[in-house]
Amino acid sequence: MLQRFASDLSRQDFLACGVELASVLGMDRDAAGERIDAWPDDVERFVASIDNPVLLTDAWRLAELAPRLRDTVFKLLESPVRTTEFRGVRLTFEQARWPGVWGPNIDTLLCCRALGDHGVDGVESAVELGSGSGFISKFLLTHAPKLRAMTLVDRHAGAAACSRANVPDARAEVICGDATTALAGRRFDLVVTNPPYIPRPRSIADNAYEGVDLLAFLTQQGADMLTPGGRIVTITSSLSAHLFEPMVAKSSLRARTLSTTDVPLKVLNVLNNAEWLDYLRKARGVRCEVRDGYELWHEIRVVALEACATL
């Protein structure tokens, strides 16, 4: 299955491709009437779309489609292999092959949109911290014309292997390890990361969606990773603003918001954890607002961190 997004993220198209054309769309005969079990993977057909997506899998919006389209899209979403396409960058991700690794999500695309809109023309060296699927690095390798060295770092061995498989570019170096030590002494024009940003008391540092340890590292030591005029581009949430903003204020960096988007809080490990959810409701400003099929909302922020002199 292919999910294709408009350049400004105003539209999300769902397409069937390859074997799905015969097994889901009923295209099981060729022009001569001969049986076809599978089409080539590069053959695709549009199925449905939604406007202004706030999730990659928005079950509520999809459920509003006409019954045949609804059931067709949900069947396509059962595919173990999904391809995400945004601004000419495609990445195919198979969750069963990479257990514990996160594929591209809406915040991934929001980060890429901000990078593309706010300019990466002068970037010659870049590093992605917590590279996961590798989509952001692949985006930079496609859209930064002067980029000669792209470093991808993830301490999760499976994620590092996934990044390596998905970014087969001679300019890309993949490191499995902790960025705080693996990159000691190195400097980059651009540091980019989609870090954990959902706060939790007694957070688990190696959990892919909780805590702010990486954000703390960026504000405390990020300036040492930058070339003159370099910048850090990261994602934060309104849920962690009470932690992030004071850290920036104490640092040698200043924050500039590149874009903001309201999204549902739809991490089931959070929603089904009564203590954690109660903490976010009472103390961290998650918005309880039933709309568009969801009841809890927060704001995703793509932020550039730059030395004060460059602002």
Protein backbone atom coordinates (compact mmCIF):
# COMPACT_ATOMS: atom_id res chain seq x y z
CA MET A 1 0.00 0.00 0.00
CA LEU A 2 1.14 3.50 -0.84
CA GLN A 3 0.29 6.64 1.12
CA ARG A 4 1.10 9.77 -0.90
CA PHE A 5 0.98 13.21 0.67
CA ALA A 6 0.57 16.62 -0.93
CA SER A 7 3.58 18.92 -0.71
CA ASP A 8 1.85 21.10 1.89
CA LEU A 9 0.29 18.11 3.70
CA SER A 10 -3.18 19.28 2.72
CA ARG A 11 -4.11 15.88 1.28
CA GLN A 12 -3.36 12.20 1.86
CA ASP A 13 -3.98 9.72 -0.95
CA PHE A 14 -4.31 5.97 -0.47
CA LEU A 15 -3.22 3.83 -3.39
CA ALA A 16 -3.16 0.10 -4.06
CA CYS A 17 -0.13 -1.33 -5.82
CA GLY A 18 1.42 -4.63 -6.87
CA VAL A 19 -0.35 -7.70 -5.56
CA GLU A 20 -3.09 -5.57 -3.96
CA LEU A 21 -4.43 -4.68 -7.40
CA ALA A 22 -5.43 -8.29 -7.98
CA SER A 23 -6.30 -9.31 -4.42
CA VAL A 24 -8.16 -6.17 -3.30
CA LEU A 25 -9.16 -4.12 -6.35
CA GLY A 26 -10.30 -7.06 -8.46
CA MET A 27 -7.80 -6.41 -11.28
CA ASP A 28 -7.15 -10.13 -11.74
CA ARG A 29 -7.28 -10.36 -15.55
CA ASP A 30 -5.05 -8.88 -18.22
CA ALA A 31 -6.24 -7.42 -21.53
CA ALA A 32 -6.39 -10.92 -23.02
CA GLY A 33 -8.47 -12.24 -20.14
CA GLU A 34 -5.63 -14.24 -18.62
CA ARG A 35 -5.44 -14.63 -14.86
CA ILE A 36 -3.12 -12.21 -13.01
CA ASP A 37 -2.17 -12.96 -9.39
CA ALA A 38 0.13 -9.99 -8.91
CA TRP A 39 1.03 -6.86 -10.82
CA PRO A 40 4.52 -5.30 -10.73
CA ASP A 41 5.12 -3.27 -7.58
CA ASP A 42 5.36 -0.03 -9.56
CA VAL A 43 1.81 -0.36 -10.90
CA GLU A 44 -0.56 1.61 -8.68
CA ARG A 45 -4.16 2.78 -8.59
CA PHE A 46 -5.74 5.60 -6.59
CA VAL A 47 -8.38 4.44 -4.10
CA ALA A 48 -9.36 7.31 -1.78
CA SER A 49 -8.10 10.48 -0.09
CA ILE A 50 -8.65 12.62 2.98
CA ASP A 51 -7.93 16.32 3.41
CA ASN A 52 -5.63 17.87 6.01
CA PRO A 53 -4.43 14.63 7.65
CA VAL A 54 -3.42 14.77 11.30
CA LEU A 55 -2.48 11.08 11.53
CA LEU A 56 -1.09 8.58 9.04
CA THR A 57 -3.88 6.17 9.97
CA ASP A 58 -6.92 8.25 10.83
CA ALA A 59 -9.51 5.54 11.52
CA TRP A 60 -12.29 8.02 12.24
CA ARG A 61 -11.85 9.99 9.01
CA LEU A 62 -11.53 6.80 6.99
CA ALA A 63 -14.66 5.38 8.59
CA GLU A 64 -16.59 8.32 7.14
CA LEU A 65 -15.84 7.22 3.59
CA ALA A 66 -18.51 5.49 1.54
CA PRO A 67 -18.74 1.85 2.69
CA ARG A 68 -16.92 0.29 -0.26
CA LEU A 69 -14.07 2.80 -0.12
CA ARG A 70 -13.90 2.53 3.68
CA ASP A 71 -13.55 -1.25 3.60
CA THR A 72 -11.07 -1.13 0.72
CA VAL A 73 -8.78 1.30 2.53
CA PHE A 74 -8.96 -0.64 5.78
CA LYS A 75 -8.07 -3.81 3.87
CA LEU A 76 -5.07 -2.03 2.33
CA LEU A 77 -4.01 -0.88 5.79
CA GLU A 78 -3.73 -4.54 6.78
CA SER A 79 -0.81 -4.85 4.38
CA PRO A 80 2.42 -5.70 6.24
CA VAL A 81 4.33 -3.42 3.87
CA ARG A 82 3.51 0.29 3.55
CA THR A 83 5.16 2.91 1.41
CA THR A 84 5.11 6.58 2.40
CA GLU A 85 5.73 9.26 -0.23
CA PHE A 86 6.23 12.97 0.43
CA ARG A 87 7.78 15.55 -1.88
CA GLY A 88 9.25 12.91 -4.12
CA VAL A 89 10.77 10.86 -1.29
CA ARG A 90 9.55 7.28 -0.94
CA LEU A 91 10.26 4.87 1.89
CA THR A 92 8.87 1.35 2.19
CA PHE A 93 8.55 0.03 5.73
CA GLU A 94 7.72 -3.47 6.94
CA GLN A 95 7.00 -3.49 10.68
CA ALA A 96 7.45 -7.26 11.07
CA ARG A 97 10.97 -6.97 9.68
CA TRP A 98 11.89 -4.16 12.07
CA PRO A 99 10.24 -4.88 15.46
CA GLY A 100 10.56 -2.01 17.89
CA VAL A 101 11.34 0.51 15.11
CA TRP A 102 8.94 3.34 14.32
CA GLY A 103 8.06 3.91 10.68
CA PRO A 104 7.27 7.37 9.30
CA ASN A 105 4.52 9.17 11.19
CA ILE A 106 2.79 12.53 10.88
CA ASP A 107 5.47 14.27 12.94
CA THR A 108 8.11 12.86 10.56
CA LEU A 109 6.38 14.57 7.65
CA LEU A 110 5.81 17.79 9.59
CA CYS A 111 9.55 17.93 10.27
CA CYS A 112 10.37 17.32 6.60
CA ARG A 113 7.91 19.98 5.47
CA ALA A 114 9.52 22.52 7.79
CA LEU A 115 13.01 21.59 6.61
CA GLY A 116 11.98 21.98 2.99
CA ASP A 117 10.08 25.22 3.53
CA HIS A 118 12.74 26.94 5.63
CA GLY A 119 15.73 26.08 3.48
CA VAL A 120 18.44 23.46 3.47
CA ASP A 121 20.27 24.78 0.40
CA GLY A 122 23.47 25.63 2.27
CA VAL A 123 23.69 22.44 4.35
CA GLU A 124 26.83 20.42 3.56
CA SER A 125 26.91 18.16 6.62
CA ALA A 126 24.00 16.87 8.68
CA VAL A 127 23.20 14.34 11.37
CA GLU A 128 19.90 12.74 12.33
CA LEU A 129 19.69 11.66 15.95
CA GLY A 130 17.42 8.66 16.50
CA SER A 131 17.15 7.97 12.79
CA GLY A 132 14.67 5.07 13.02
CA SER A 133 13.32 4.35 9.55
CA GLY A 134 15.67 6.93 8.02
CA PHE A 135 12.93 8.95 6.28
CA ILE A 136 14.17 12.38 7.42
CA SER A 137 17.73 11.62 6.32
CA LYS A 138 16.48 10.36 2.97
CA PHE A 139 14.51 13.58 2.60
CA LEU A 140 17.60 15.68 3.27
CA LEU A 141 19.72 13.66 0.85
CA THR A 142 17.08 14.36 -1.80
CA HIS A 143 16.40 18.04 -1.09
CA ALA A 144 19.67 19.52 0.20
CA PRO A 145 21.69 20.12 -2.99
CA LYS A 146 25.05 20.65 -1.30
CA LEU A 147 24.78 17.85 1.25
CA ARG A 148 27.95 15.75 1.05
CA ALA A 149 27.83 13.87 4.36
CA MET A 150 24.71 12.56 6.14
CA THR A 151 25.19 10.79 9.47
CA LEU A 152 22.40 8.67 10.96
CA VAL A 153 22.65 7.66 14.63
CA ASP A 154 20.41 5.35 16.63
CA ARG A 155 21.26 3.37 19.74
CA HIS A 156 18.67 0.71 18.89
CA ALA A 157 20.46 -1.93 16.79
CA GLY A 158 17.32 -2.74 14.82
CA ALA A 159 16.71 0.94 14.06
CA ALA A 160 20.29 1.42 12.88
CA ALA A 161 19.93 -1.61 10.61
CA CYS A 162 16.61 -0.26 9.31
CA SER A 163 18.19 3.13 8.58
CA ARG A 164 21.04 1.45 6.74
CA ALA A 165 18.66 -0.62 4.62
CA ASN A 166 16.43 2.33 3.74
CA VAL A 167 19.13 4.90 2.98
CA PRO A 168 21.55 3.20 0.55
CA ASP A 169 23.39 6.40 -0.30
CA ALA A 170 27.17 6.67 -0.51
CA ARG A 171 26.97 9.95 1.41
CA ALA A 172 25.21 8.27 4.36
CA GLU A 173 27.02 6.94 7.42
CA VAL A 174 24.98 4.92 9.93
CA ILE A 175 26.18 4.63 13.52
CA CYS A 176 24.65 2.33 16.12
CA GLY A 177 25.31 3.93 19.48
CA ASP A 178 24.53 6.75 21.89
CA ALA A 179 24.85 10.12 20.15
CA THR A 180 26.18 11.74 23.31
CA THR A 181 29.39 9.72 22.95
CA ALA A 182 29.36 8.50 19.34
CA LEU A 183 29.55 12.04 17.96
CA ALA A 184 31.98 13.53 20.46
CA GLY A 185 34.06 16.26 18.82
CA ARG A 186 32.11 16.28 15.55
CA ARG A 187 30.29 19.32 14.18
CA PHE A 188 27.51 19.64 11.62
CA ASP A 189 25.69 22.34 9.69
CA LEU A 190 22.39 20.73 10.65
CA VAL A 191 21.35 18.49 13.52
CA VAL A 192 17.85 17.09 13.11
CA THR A 193 15.81 14.80 15.32
CA ASN A 194 12.28 13.64 15.99
CA PRO A 195 12.83 12.85 19.68
CA PRO A 196 10.61 11.55 22.47
CA TYR A 197 8.51 14.51 23.64
CA ILE A 198 5.69 13.10 25.81
CA PRO A 199 6.66 13.72 29.45
CA ARG A 200 6.13 11.10 32.11
CA PRO A 201 7.20 10.87 35.75
CA ARG A 202 10.00 8.32 36.07
CA SER A 203 10.26 8.10 32.29
CA ILE A 204 12.18 5.25 30.68
CA ALA A 205 15.10 6.73 28.79
CA ASP A 206 15.16 4.19 25.95
CA ASN A 207 11.41 4.31 25.30
CA ALA A 208 10.69 5.68 21.82
CA TYR A 209 7.89 8.02 22.87
CA GLU A 210 8.36 9.17 26.46
CA GLY A 211 10.53 11.63 28.31
CA VAL A 212 12.64 14.57 27.18
CA ASP A 213 16.20 13.34 27.72
CA LEU A 214 17.24 13.99 24.13
CA LEU A 215 15.72 17.47 24.18
CA ALA A 216 17.69 18.17 27.36
CA PHE A 217 20.89 16.97 25.67
CA LEU A 218 20.26 19.23 22.67
CA THR A 219 19.77 22.35 24.78
CA GLN A 220 22.73 21.59 27.06
CA GLN A 221 25.29 20.32 24.54
CA GLY A 222 23.77 20.87 21.11
CA ALA A 223 25.71 24.06 20.43
CA ASP A 224 28.94 22.05 20.62
CA MET A 225 27.71 19.94 17.68
CA LEU A 226 27.19 22.89 15.32
CA THR A 227 29.42 24.55 12.79
CA PRO A 228 29.31 28.38 12.78
CA GLY A 229 25.83 29.36 11.63
CA GLY A 230 24.57 25.81 12.09
CA ARG A 231 21.22 24.91 13.58
CA ILE A 232 19.28 22.16 15.30
CA VAL A 233 15.81 21.31 14.02
CA THR A 234 13.72 19.28 16.43
CA ILE A 235 10.12 18.47 17.29
CA THR A 236 8.50 19.27 20.61
CA SER A 237 4.98 19.16 21.99
CA SER A 238 2.85 21.54 24.01
CA LEU A 239 2.83 18.70 26.58
CA SER A 240 6.55 19.19 27.26
CA ALA A 241 6.74 22.99 26.89
CA HIS A 242 7.04 23.38 30.67
CA LEU A 243 10.30 21.43 30.51
CA PHE A 244 11.67 22.46 27.13
CA GLU A 245 11.27 26.22 27.34
CA PRO A 246 13.22 26.64 30.63
CA MET A 247 15.98 24.41 29.23
CA VAL A 248 16.30 26.65 26.18
CA ALA A 249 16.30 29.77 28.35
CA LYS A 250 19.29 28.44 30.31
CA SER A 251 21.21 27.46 27.17
CA SER A 252 23.34 29.36 24.67
CA LEU A 253 20.66 28.73 22.04
CA ARG A 254 17.45 30.45 21.11
CA ALA A 255 14.34 28.74 19.76
CA ARG A 256 12.45 29.75 16.62
CA THR A 257 9.20 27.97 15.84
CA LEU A 258 9.04 26.86 12.21
CA SER A 259 5.56 25.33 12.23
CA THR A 260 2.80 24.14 14.54
CA THR A 261 0.02 21.60 14.03
CA ASP A 262 -2.72 20.29 16.29
CA VAL A 263 -2.79 16.48 16.39
CA PRO A 264 -4.67 13.90 18.46
CA LEU A 265 -2.83 12.19 21.27
CA LYS A 266 -3.05 8.68 19.88
CA VAL A 267 -0.28 6.65 21.50
CA LEU A 268 -2.15 3.69 22.92
CA ASN A 269 0.54 2.95 25.50
CA VAL A 270 -0.28 6.38 26.93
CA LEU A 271 -4.06 6.28 26.48
CA ASN A 272 -4.33 2.88 28.19
CA ASN A 273 -2.07 3.83 31.11
CA ALA A 274 -4.38 5.46 33.67
CA GLU A 275 -1.59 6.99 35.79
CA TRP A 276 0.28 8.45 32.84
CA LEU A 277 -2.86 9.81 31.21
CA ASP A 278 -4.03 11.35 34.48
CA TYR A 279 -0.67 13.10 34.78
CA LEU A 280 -0.99 14.58 31.28
CA ARG A 281 -4.57 15.68 31.91
CA LYS A 282 -3.96 17.35 35.26
CA ALA A 283 -0.48 18.76 34.94
CA ARG A 284 0.71 18.92 31.37
CA GLY A 285 -2.07 20.61 29.45
CA VAL A 286 -3.37 17.90 27.16
CA ARG A 287 -6.58 19.37 25.74
CA CYS A 288 -9.76 17.41 26.40
CA GLU A 289 -11.76 18.39 23.35
CA VAL A 290 -13.98 15.89 21.58
CA ARG A 291 -13.76 16.69 17.87
CA ASP A 292 -12.99 14.95 14.61
CA GLY A 293 -13.30 11.58 16.30
CA TYR A 294 -10.71 12.15 19.04
CA GLU A 295 -10.92 13.44 22.60
CA LEU A 296 -7.35 14.41 23.51
CA TRP A 297 -5.21 16.90 21.57
CA HIS A 298 -1.81 18.53 21.75
CA GLU A 299 0.25 20.80 19.54
CA ILE A 300 3.28 19.54 17.64
CA ARG A 301 5.96 22.20 17.16
CA VAL A 302 8.89 22.05 14.76
CA VAL A 303 11.58 24.25 16.29
CA ALA A 304 14.96 25.52 15.14
CA LEU A 305 17.59 25.99 17.82
CA GLU A 306 20.33 28.41 16.82
CA ALA A 307 23.16 30.31 18.48
CA CYS A 308 21.95 33.68 19.67
CA ALA A 309 24.18 35.54 17.19
CA THR A 310 22.48 33.87 14.23
CA LEU A 311 18.95 34.94 15.13
